[in-house]
Amino acid sequence: ATASEIAKAYLDCIVTIFVCNSNGVEISFGSGICVYSGGYI
């Protein structure tokens, strides 16, 4: 597979992760990747 094909195949496996406080303020964010069925990242 080409790099383009790999990236397109995996886009839905990749997530954005926000840390929020109890007021809903976004404190920080990063990225993550799902590695197992059931939403394990």
PDB file of all heavy atoms in Angstrom:
ATOM      1  N   ALA A   1       0.834  -1.201   0.000  1.00  0.00           N
ATOM      2  CA  ALA A   1       0.000   0.000   0.000  1.00  0.00           C
ATOM      3  C   ALA A   1       0.869   1.252   0.000  1.00  0.00           C
ATOM      4  O   ALA A   1       1.979   1.270   0.552  1.00  0.00           O
ATOM      5  CB  ALA A   1      -0.906   0.003   1.225  1.00  0.00           C
ATOM      6  N   THR A   2       0.379   2.307  -0.608  1.00  0.00           N
ATOM      7  CA  THR A   2       1.077   3.585  -0.600  1.00  0.00           C
ATOM      8  C   THR A   2       0.804   4.305   0.721  1.00  0.00           C
ATOM      9  O   THR A   2      -0.113   3.940   1.476  1.00  0.00           O
ATOM     10  CB  THR A   2       0.614   4.471  -1.753  1.00  0.00           C
ATOM     11  OG1 THR A   2      -0.778   4.789  -1.557  1.00  0.00           O
ATOM     12  CG2 THR A   2       0.791   3.763  -3.098  1.00  0.00           C
ATOM     13  N   ALA A   3       1.573   5.338   0.986  1.00  0.00           N
ATOM     14  CA  ALA A   3       1.345   6.133   2.192  1.00  0.00           C
ATOM     15  C   ALA A   3      -0.058   6.724   2.189  1.00  0.00           C
ATOM     16  O   ALA A   3      -0.733   6.771   3.220  1.00  0.00           O
ATOM     17  CB  ALA A   3       2.396   7.242   2.286  1.00  0.00           C
ATOM     18  N   SER A   4      -0.509   7.164   1.041  1.00  0.00           N
ATOM     19  CA  SER A   4      -1.857   7.725   0.920  1.00  0.00           C
ATOM     20  C   SER A   4      -2.915   6.687   1.251  1.00  0.00           C
ATOM     21  O   SER A   4      -3.889   6.967   1.961  1.00  0.00           O
ATOM     22  CB  SER A   4      -2.069   8.272  -0.498  1.00  0.00           C
ATOM     23  OG  SER A   4      -3.384   8.766  -0.651  1.00  0.00           O
ATOM     24  N   GLU A   5      -2.738   5.479   0.753  1.00  0.00           N
ATOM     25  CA  GLU A   5      -3.712   4.413   1.010  1.00  0.00           C
ATOM     26  C   GLU A   5      -3.744   4.039   2.492  1.00  0.00           C
ATOM     27  O   GLU A   5      -4.816   3.795   3.061  1.00  0.00           O
ATOM     28  CB  GLU A   5      -3.387   3.189   0.156  1.00  0.00           C
ATOM     29  CG  GLU A   5      -3.652   3.392  -1.327  1.00  0.00           C
ATOM     30  CD  GLU A   5      -3.099   2.261  -2.179  1.00  0.00           C
ATOM     31  OE1 GLU A   5      -2.144   1.579  -1.738  1.00  0.00           O
ATOM     32  OE2 GLU A   5      -3.615   2.074  -3.304  1.00  0.00           O
ATOM     33  N   ILE A   6      -2.590   4.004   3.123  1.00  0.00           N
ATOM     34  CA  ILE A   6      -2.531   3.676   4.551  1.00  0.00           C
ATOM     35  C   ILE A   6      -3.229   4.757   5.366  1.00  0.00           C
ATOM     36  O   ILE A   6      -4.040   4.471   6.250  1.00  0.00           O
ATOM     37  CB  ILE A   6      -1.066   3.503   4.997  1.00  0.00           C
ATOM     38  CG1 ILE A   6      -0.466   2.256   4.350  1.00  0.00           C
ATOM     39  CG2 ILE A   6      -0.976   3.406   6.524  1.00  0.00           C
ATOM     40  CD1 ILE A   6       1.032   2.114   4.587  1.00  0.00           C
ATOM     41  N   ALA A   7      -2.914   6.010   5.069  1.00  0.00           N
ATOM     42  CA  ALA A   7      -3.514   7.113   5.818  1.00  0.00           C
ATOM     43  C   ALA A   7      -5.034   7.122   5.678  1.00  0.00           C
ATOM     44  O   ALA A   7      -5.756   7.254   6.673  1.00  0.00           O
ATOM     45  CB  ALA A   7      -2.926   8.442   5.343  1.00  0.00           C
ATOM     46  N   LYS A   8      -5.530   6.983   4.463  1.00  0.00           N
ATOM     47  CA  LYS A   8      -6.977   6.996   4.250  1.00  0.00           C
ATOM     48  C   LYS A   8      -7.662   5.843   4.969  1.00  0.00           C
ATOM     49  O   LYS A   8      -8.748   5.994   5.529  1.00  0.00           O
ATOM     50  CB  LYS A   8      -7.277   6.941   2.751  1.00  0.00           C
ATOM     51  CG  LYS A   8      -6.946   8.218   1.992  1.00  0.00           C
ATOM     52  CD  LYS A   8      -7.231   8.069   0.513  1.00  0.00           C
ATOM     53  CE  LYS A   8      -6.869   9.340  -0.248  1.00  0.00           C
ATOM     54  NZ  LYS A   8      -7.100   9.187  -1.722  1.00  0.00           N
ATOM     55  N   ALA A   9      -7.019   4.685   4.977  1.00  0.00           N
ATOM     56  CA  ALA A   9      -7.617   3.519   5.629  1.00  0.00           C
ATOM     57  C   ALA A   9      -7.719   3.691   7.137  1.00  0.00           C
ATOM     58  O   ALA A   9      -8.617   3.144   7.779  1.00  0.00           O
ATOM     59  CB  ALA A   9      -6.798   2.271   5.299  1.00  0.00           C
ATOM     60  N   TYR A  10      -6.812   4.476   7.722  1.00  0.00           N
ATOM     61  CA  TYR A  10      -6.715   4.567   9.179  1.00  0.00           C
ATOM     62  C   TYR A  10      -7.347   5.810   9.788  1.00  0.00           C
ATOM     63  O   TYR A  10      -7.397   5.932  11.020  1.00  0.00           O
ATOM     64  CB  TYR A  10      -5.241   4.526   9.596  1.00  0.00           C
ATOM     65  CG  TYR A  10      -4.630   3.145   9.571  1.00  0.00           C
ATOM     66  CD1 TYR A  10      -3.247   2.998   9.518  1.00  0.00           C
ATOM     67  CD2 TYR A  10      -5.408   1.999   9.598  1.00  0.00           C
ATOM     68  CE1 TYR A  10      -2.656   1.734   9.513  1.00  0.00           C
ATOM     69  CE2 TYR A  10      -4.844   0.739   9.577  1.00  0.00           C
ATOM     70  CZ  TYR A  10      -3.467   0.609   9.534  1.00  0.00           C
ATOM     71  OH  TYR A  10      -2.896  -0.641   9.524  1.00  0.00           O
ATOM     72  N   LEU A  11      -7.815   6.750   8.998  1.00  0.00           N
ATOM     73  CA  LEU A  11      -8.293   8.020   9.548  1.00  0.00           C
ATOM     74  C   LEU A  11      -9.369   7.827  10.613  1.00  0.00           C
ATOM     75  O   LEU A  11      -9.390   8.538  11.627  1.00  0.00           O
ATOM     76  CB  LEU A  11      -8.815   8.927   8.434  1.00  0.00           C
ATOM     77  CG  LEU A  11      -7.759   9.574   7.541  1.00  0.00           C
ATOM     78  CD1 LEU A  11      -8.410  10.507   6.536  1.00  0.00           C
ATOM     79  CD2 LEU A  11      -6.723  10.326   8.359  1.00  0.00           C
ATOM     80  N   ASP A  12     -10.266   6.879  10.412  1.00  0.00           N
ATOM     81  CA  ASP A  12     -11.360   6.688  11.370  1.00  0.00           C
ATOM     82  C   ASP A  12     -10.903   5.990  12.651  1.00  0.00           C
ATOM     83  O   ASP A  12     -11.679   5.873  13.598  1.00  0.00           O
ATOM     84  CB  ASP A  12     -12.496   5.890  10.734  1.00  0.00           C
ATOM     85  CG  ASP A  12     -13.271   6.702   9.707  1.00  0.00           C
ATOM     86  OD1 ASP A  12     -13.173   7.945   9.758  1.00  0.00           O
ATOM     87  OD2 ASP A  12     -13.951   6.099   8.862  1.00  0.00           O
ATOM     88  N   CYS A  13      -9.662   5.517  12.690  1.00  0.00           N
ATOM     89  CA  CYS A  13      -9.118   4.880  13.895  1.00  0.00           C
ATOM     90  C   CYS A  13      -8.471   5.897  14.826  1.00  0.00           C
ATOM     91  O   CYS A  13      -8.129   5.557  15.966  1.00  0.00           O
ATOM     92  CB  CYS A  13      -8.072   3.828  13.519  1.00  0.00           C
ATOM     93  SG  CYS A  13      -8.622   2.573  12.339  1.00  0.00           S
ATOM     94  N   ILE A  14      -8.291   7.107  14.345  1.00  0.00           N
ATOM     95  CA  ILE A  14      -7.530   8.121  15.070  1.00  0.00           C
ATOM     96  C   ILE A  14      -8.493   9.123  15.696  1.00  0.00           C
ATOM     97  O   ILE A  14      -9.481   9.522  15.089  1.00  0.00           O
ATOM     98  CB  ILE A  14      -6.539   8.802  14.118  1.00  0.00           C
ATOM     99  CG1 ILE A  14      -5.585   7.758  13.531  1.00  0.00           C
ATOM    100  CG2 ILE A  14      -5.741   9.895  14.837  1.00  0.00           C
ATOM    101  CD1 ILE A  14      -4.875   8.176  12.283  1.00  0.00           C
ATOM    102  N   VAL A  15      -8.198   9.520  16.936  1.00  0.00           N
ATOM    103  CA  VAL A  15      -9.093  10.393  17.693  1.00  0.00           C
ATOM    104  C   VAL A  15      -8.335  11.615  18.193  1.00  0.00           C
ATOM    105  O   VAL A  15      -7.109  11.644  18.235  1.00  0.00           O
ATOM    106  CB  VAL A  15      -9.719   9.654  18.890  1.00  0.00           C
ATOM    107  CG1 VAL A  15     -10.503   8.440  18.410  1.00  0.00           C
ATOM    108  CG2 VAL A  15      -8.653   9.239  19.912  1.00  0.00           C
ATOM    109  N   THR A  16      -9.116  12.629  18.583  1.00  0.00           N
ATOM    110  CA  THR A  16      -8.582  13.795  19.284  1.00  0.00           C
ATOM    111  C   THR A  16      -9.081  13.744  20.718  1.00  0.00           C
ATOM    112  O   THR A  16     -10.268  13.489  20.959  1.00  0.00           O
ATOM    113  CB  THR A  16      -9.027  15.097  18.613  1.00  0.00           C
ATOM    114  OG1 THR A  16      -8.674  15.067  17.224  1.00  0.00           O
ATOM    115  CG2 THR A  16      -8.376  16.299  19.262  1.00  0.00           C
ATOM    116  N   ILE A  17      -8.185  13.963  21.672  1.00  0.00           N
ATOM    117  CA  ILE A  17      -8.494  13.804  23.092  1.00  0.00           C
ATOM    118  C   ILE A  17      -8.378  15.157  23.785  1.00  0.00           C
ATOM    119  O   ILE A  17      -7.318  15.786  23.769  1.00  0.00           O
ATOM    120  CB  ILE A  17      -7.525  12.800  23.755  1.00  0.00           C
ATOM    121  CG1 ILE A  17      -7.585  11.446  23.031  1.00  0.00           C
ATOM    122  CG2 ILE A  17      -7.840  12.644  25.238  1.00  0.00           C
ATOM    123  CD1 ILE A  17      -6.445  10.512  23.400  1.00  0.00           C
ATOM    124  N   PHE A  18      -9.471  15.609  24.385  1.00  0.00           N
ATOM    125  CA  PHE A  18      -9.484  16.858  25.131  1.00  0.00           C
ATOM    126  C   PHE A  18      -9.513  16.579  26.631  1.00  0.00           C
ATOM    127  O   PHE A  18     -10.218  15.675  27.086  1.00  0.00           O
ATOM    128  CB  PHE A  18     -10.728  17.680  24.776  1.00  0.00           C
ATOM    129  CG  PHE A  18     -10.680  18.329  23.420  1.00  0.00           C
ATOM    130  CD1 PHE A  18     -11.073  17.638  22.293  1.00  0.00           C
ATOM    131  CD2 PHE A  18     -10.253  19.640  23.280  1.00  0.00           C
ATOM    132  CE1 PHE A  18     -11.045  18.226  21.039  1.00  0.00           C
ATOM    133  CE2 PHE A  18     -10.210  20.242  22.032  1.00  0.00           C
ATOM    134  CZ  PHE A  18     -10.605  19.537  20.909  1.00  0.00           C
ATOM    135  N   VAL A  19      -8.765  17.367  27.390  1.00  0.00           N
ATOM    136  CA  VAL A  19      -8.898  17.404  28.848  1.00  0.00           C
ATOM    137  C   VAL A  19      -9.760  18.617  29.173  1.00  0.00           C
ATOM    138  O   VAL A  19      -9.446  19.736  28.753  1.00  0.00           O
ATOM    139  CB  VAL A  19      -7.530  17.524  29.536  1.00  0.00           C
ATOM    140  CG1 VAL A  19      -7.704  17.708  31.043  1.00  0.00           C
ATOM    141  CG2 VAL A  19      -6.676  16.290  29.254  1.00  0.00           C
ATOM    142  N   CYS A  20     -10.854  18.390  29.894  1.00  0.00           N
ATOM    143  CA  CYS A  20     -11.793  19.457  30.233  1.00  0.00           C
ATOM    144  C   CYS A  20     -11.981  19.528  31.746  1.00  0.00           C
ATOM    145  O   CYS A  20     -11.889  18.511  32.432  1.00  0.00           O
ATOM    146  CB  CYS A  20     -13.148  19.217  29.577  1.00  0.00           C
ATOM    147  SG  CYS A  20     -13.082  18.972  27.793  1.00  0.00           S
ATOM    148  N   ASN A  21     -12.257  20.723  32.248  1.00  0.00           N
ATOM    149  CA  ASN A  21     -12.569  20.830  33.666  1.00  0.00           C
ATOM    150  C   ASN A  21     -14.074  20.798  33.874  1.00  0.00           C
ATOM    151  O   ASN A  21     -14.849  20.680  32.912  1.00  0.00           O
ATOM    152  CB  ASN A  21     -11.926  22.072  34.285  1.00  0.00           C
ATOM    153  CG  ASN A  21     -12.526  23.378  33.772  1.00  0.00           C
ATOM    154  OD1 ASN A  21     -13.608  23.408  33.184  1.00  0.00           O
ATOM    155  ND2 ASN A  21     -11.813  24.468  33.994  1.00  0.00           N
ATOM    156  N   SER A  22     -14.502  20.888  35.122  1.00  0.00           N
ATOM    157  CA  SER A  22     -15.918  20.705  35.435  1.00  0.00           C
ATOM    158  C   SER A  22     -16.793  21.820  34.887  1.00  0.00           C
ATOM    159  O   SER A  22     -18.014  21.685  34.826  1.00  0.00           O
ATOM    160  CB  SER A  22     -16.108  20.606  36.953  1.00  0.00           C
ATOM    161  OG  SER A  22     -15.615  21.768  37.590  1.00  0.00           O
ATOM    162  N   ASN A  23     -16.185  22.934  34.467  1.00  0.00           N
ATOM    163  CA  ASN A  23     -16.942  24.022  33.843  1.00  0.00           C
ATOM    164  C   ASN A  23     -16.992  23.896  32.328  1.00  0.00           C
ATOM    165  O   ASN A  23     -17.518  24.780  31.653  1.00  0.00           O
ATOM    166  CB  ASN A  23     -16.326  25.369  34.225  1.00  0.00           C
ATOM    167  CG  ASN A  23     -16.475  25.668  35.694  1.00  0.00           C
ATOM    168  OD1 ASN A  23     -17.529  25.419  36.271  1.00  0.00           O
ATOM    169  ND2 ASN A  23     -15.421  26.189  36.307  1.00  0.00           N
ATOM    170  N   GLY A  24     -16.415  22.819  31.815  1.00  0.00           N
ATOM    171  CA  GLY A  24     -16.419  22.616  30.374  1.00  0.00           C
ATOM    172  C   GLY A  24     -15.326  23.357  29.645  1.00  0.00           C
ATOM    173  O   GLY A  24     -15.321  23.401  28.413  1.00  0.00           O
ATOM    174  N   VAL A  25     -14.401  23.954  30.384  1.00  0.00           N
ATOM    175  CA  VAL A  25     -13.290  24.656  29.737  1.00  0.00           C
ATOM    176  C   VAL A  25     -12.276  23.635  29.248  1.00  0.00           C
ATOM    177  O   VAL A  25     -11.864  22.738  29.986  1.00  0.00           O
ATOM    178  CB  VAL A  25     -12.618  25.640  30.719  1.00  0.00           C
ATOM    179  CG1 VAL A  25     -11.397  26.296  30.065  1.00  0.00           C
ATOM    180  CG2 VAL A  25     -13.611  26.699  31.156  1.00  0.00           C
ATOM    181  N   GLU A  26     -11.876  23.776  28.007  1.00  0.00           N
ATOM    182  CA  GLU A  26     -10.870  22.887  27.432  1.00  0.00           C
ATOM    183  C   GLU A  26      -9.497  23.288  27.949  1.00  0.00           C
ATOM    184  O   GLU A  26      -9.030  24.394  27.714  1.00  0.00           O
ATOM    185  CB  GLU A  26     -10.908  22.987  25.904  1.00  0.00           C
ATOM    186  CG  GLU A  26     -12.286  22.704  25.327  1.00  0.00           C
ATOM    187  CD  GLU A  26     -12.429  23.242  23.919  1.00  0.00           C
ATOM    188  OE1 GLU A  26     -11.580  24.059  23.514  1.00  0.00           O
ATOM    189  OE2 GLU A  26     -13.382  22.857  23.240  1.00  0.00           O
ATOM    190  N   ILE A  27      -8.840  22.389  28.665  1.00  0.00           N
ATOM    191  CA  ILE A  27      -7.552  22.687  29.260  1.00  0.00           C
ATOM    192  C   ILE A  27      -6.419  22.384  28.280  1.00  0.00           C
ATOM    193  O   ILE A  27      -5.459  23.133  28.160  1.00  0.00           O
ATOM    194  CB  ILE A  27      -7.359  21.885  30.558  1.00  0.00           C
ATOM    195  CG1 ILE A  27      -8.524  22.147  31.519  1.00  0.00           C
ATOM    196  CG2 ILE A  27      -6.028  22.214  31.212  1.00  0.00           C
ATOM    197  CD1 ILE A  27      -8.704  23.601  31.883  1.00  0.00           C
ATOM    198  N   SER A  28      -6.522  21.271  27.590  1.00  0.00           N
ATOM    199  CA  SER A  28      -5.474  20.873  26.643  1.00  0.00           C
ATOM    200  C   SER A  28      -6.034  19.808  25.723  1.00  0.00           C
ATOM    201  O   SER A  28      -7.119  19.258  25.970  1.00  0.00           O
ATOM    202  CB  SER A  28      -4.240  20.331  27.381  1.00  0.00           C
ATOM    203  OG  SER A  28      -4.574  19.173  28.127  1.00  0.00           O
ATOM    204  N   PHE A  29      -5.301  19.533  24.658  1.00  0.00           N
ATOM    205  CA  PHE A  29      -5.709  18.412  23.817  1.00  0.00           C
ATOM    206  C   PHE A  29      -4.501  17.750  23.187  1.00  0.00           C
ATOM    207  O   PHE A  29      -3.426  18.315  23.074  1.00  0.00           O
ATOM    208  CB  PHE A  29      -6.733  18.836  22.746  1.00  0.00           C
ATOM    209  CG  PHE A  29      -6.174  19.610  21.581  1.00  0.00           C
ATOM    210  CD1 PHE A  29      -5.599  18.943  20.504  1.00  0.00           C
ATOM    211  CD2 PHE A  29      -6.237  20.981  21.528  1.00  0.00           C
ATOM    212  CE1 PHE A  29      -5.105  19.625  19.408  1.00  0.00           C
ATOM    213  CE2 PHE A  29      -5.729  21.686  20.448  1.00  0.00           C
ATOM    214  CZ  PHE A  29      -5.170  21.010  19.381  1.00  0.00           C
ATOM    215  N   GLY A  30      -4.725  16.492  22.785  1.00  0.00           N
ATOM    216  CA  GLY A  30      -3.722  15.717  22.080  1.00  0.00           C
ATOM    217  C   GLY A  30      -4.414  14.749  21.145  1.00  0.00           C
ATOM    218  O   GLY A  30      -5.599  14.898  20.843  1.00  0.00           O
ATOM    219  N   SER A  31      -3.697  13.740  20.717  1.00  0.00           N
ATOM    220  CA  SER A  31      -4.215  12.777  19.754  1.00  0.00           C
ATOM    221  C   SER A  31      -4.137  11.368  20.336  1.00  0.00           C
ATOM    222  O   SER A  31      -3.507  11.142  21.371  1.00  0.00           O
ATOM    223  CB  SER A  31      -3.423  12.852  18.452  1.00  0.00           C
ATOM    224  OG  SER A  31      -3.415  14.172  17.923  1.00  0.00           O
ATOM    225  N   GLY A  32      -4.785  10.429  19.685  1.00  0.00           N
ATOM    226  CA  GLY A  32      -4.758   9.039  20.128  1.00  0.00           C
ATOM    227  C   GLY A  32      -5.113   8.112  18.988  1.00  0.00           C
ATOM    228  O   GLY A  32      -5.572   8.547  17.924  1.00  0.00           O
ATOM    229  N   ILE A  33      -4.941   6.818  19.216  1.00  0.00           N
ATOM    230  CA  ILE A  33      -5.181   5.817  18.186  1.00  0.00           C
ATOM    231  C   ILE A  33      -5.849   4.608  18.805  1.00  0.00           C
ATOM    232  O   ILE A  33      -5.374   4.080  19.815  1.00  0.00           O
ATOM    233  CB  ILE A  33      -3.857   5.419  17.478  1.00  0.00           C
ATOM    234  CG1 ILE A  33      -4.072   4.294  16.466  1.00  0.00           C
ATOM    235  CG2 ILE A  33      -2.773   5.055  18.483  1.00  0.00           C
ATOM    236  CD1 ILE A  33      -4.802   4.713  15.219  1.00  0.00           C
ATOM    237  N   CYS A  34      -6.949   4.163  18.222  1.00  0.00           N
ATOM    238  CA  CYS A  34      -7.680   3.005  18.729  1.00  0.00           C
ATOM    239  C   CYS A  34      -6.939   1.724  18.332  1.00  0.00           C
ATOM    240  O   CYS A  34      -6.565   1.545  17.165  1.00  0.00           O
ATOM    241  CB  CYS A  34      -9.102   2.977  18.191  1.00  0.00           C
ATOM    242  SG  CYS A  34     -10.175   1.778  19.024  1.00  0.00           S
ATOM    243  N   VAL A  35      -6.735   0.836  19.323  1.00  0.00           N
ATOM    244  CA  VAL A  35      -5.897  -0.348  19.091  1.00  0.00           C
ATOM    245  C   VAL A  35      -6.604  -1.652  19.451  1.00  0.00           C
ATOM    246  O   VAL A  35      -5.984  -2.723  19.389  1.00  0.00           O
ATOM    247  CB  VAL A  35      -4.579  -0.248  19.887  1.00  0.00           C
ATOM    248  CG1 VAL A  35      -3.714   0.874  19.336  1.00  0.00           C
ATOM    249  CG2 VAL A  35      -4.844  -0.054  21.380  1.00  0.00           C
ATOM    250  N   TYR A  36      -7.883  -1.580  19.826  1.00  0.00           N
ATOM    251  CA  TYR A  36      -8.598  -2.811  20.184  1.00  0.00           C
ATOM    252  C   TYR A  36     -10.084  -2.541  20.119  1.00  0.00           C
ATOM    253  O   TYR A  36     -10.542  -1.420  20.363  1.00  0.00           O
ATOM    254  CB  TYR A  36      -8.195  -3.265  21.594  1.00  0.00           C
ATOM    255  CG  TYR A  36      -8.411  -4.751  21.849  1.00  0.00           C
ATOM    256  CD1 TYR A  36      -7.406  -5.671  21.583  1.00  0.00           C
ATOM    257  CD2 TYR A  36      -9.618  -5.224  22.355  1.00  0.00           C
ATOM    258  CE1 TYR A  36      -7.591  -7.019  21.822  1.00  0.00           C
ATOM    259  CE2 TYR A  36      -9.809  -6.580  22.589  1.00  0.00           C
ATOM    260  CZ  TYR A  36      -8.784  -7.477  22.328  1.00  0.00           C
ATOM    261  OH  TYR A  36      -8.975  -8.821  22.547  1.00  0.00           O
ATOM    262  N   SER A  37     -10.862  -3.579  19.786  1.00  0.00           N
ATOM    263  CA  SER A  37     -12.309  -3.432  19.739  1.00  0.00           C
ATOM    264  C   SER A  37     -12.838  -3.039  21.111  1.00  0.00           C
ATOM    265  O   SER A  37     -12.333  -3.488  22.139  1.00  0.00           O
ATOM    266  CB  SER A  37     -12.960  -4.738  19.279  1.00  0.00           C
ATOM    267  OG  SER A  37     -12.662  -5.797  20.166  1.00  0.00           O
ATOM    268  N   GLY A  38     -13.836  -2.185  21.132  1.00  0.00           N
ATOM    269  CA  GLY A  38     -14.393  -1.724  22.390  1.00  0.00           C
ATOM    270  C   GLY A  38     -13.898  -0.346  22.790  1.00  0.00           C
ATOM    271  O   GLY A  38     -14.102   0.084  23.924  1.00  0.00           O
ATOM    272  N   GLY A  39     -13.247   0.371  21.875  1.00  0.00           N
ATOM    273  CA  GLY A  39     -12.850   1.745  22.142  1.00  0.00           C
ATOM    274  C   GLY A  39     -11.593   1.905  22.972  1.00  0.00           C
ATOM    275  O   GLY A  39     -11.433   2.909  23.669  1.00  0.00           O
ATOM    276  N   TYR A  40     -10.682   0.945  22.905  1.00  0.00           N
ATOM    277  CA  TYR A  40      -9.420   1.045  23.644  1.00  0.00           C
ATOM    278  C   TYR A  40      -8.410   1.841  22.817  1.00  0.00           C
ATOM    279  O   TYR A  40      -8.136   1.501  21.664  1.00  0.00           O
ATOM    280  CB  TYR A  40      -8.881  -0.336  23.971  1.00  0.00           C
ATOM    281  CG  TYR A  40      -9.726  -1.054  24.999  1.00  0.00           C
ATOM    282  CD1 TYR A  40     -10.756  -1.908  24.609  1.00  0.00           C
ATOM    283  CD2 TYR A  40      -9.509  -0.864  26.362  1.00  0.00           C
ATOM    284  CE1 TYR A  40     -11.547  -2.555  25.548  1.00  0.00           C
ATOM    285  CE2 TYR A  40     -10.291  -1.510  27.310  1.00  0.00           C
ATOM    286  CZ  TYR A  40     -11.306  -2.354  26.892  1.00  0.00           C
ATOM    287  OH  TYR A  40     -12.085  -2.995  27.832  1.00  0.00           O
ATOM    288  N   ILE A  41      -7.851   2.880  23.437  1.00  0.00           N
ATOM    289  CA  ILE A  41      -7.046   3.874  22.733  1.00  0.00           C
ATOM    290  C   ILE A  41      -5.693   4.027  23.409  1.00  0.00           C
ATOM    291  O   ILE A  41      -5.597   4.053  24.640  1.00  0.00           O
ATOM    292  CB  ILE A  41      -7.785   5.234  22.731  1.00  0.00           C
ATOM    293  CG1 ILE A  41      -9.069   5.126  21.877  1.00  0.00           C
ATOM    294  CG2 ILE A  41      -6.893   6.359  22.229  1.00  0.00           C
ATOM    295  CD1 ILE A  41     -10.031   6.276  22.097  1.00  0.00           C
TER     296      ILE A  41
END
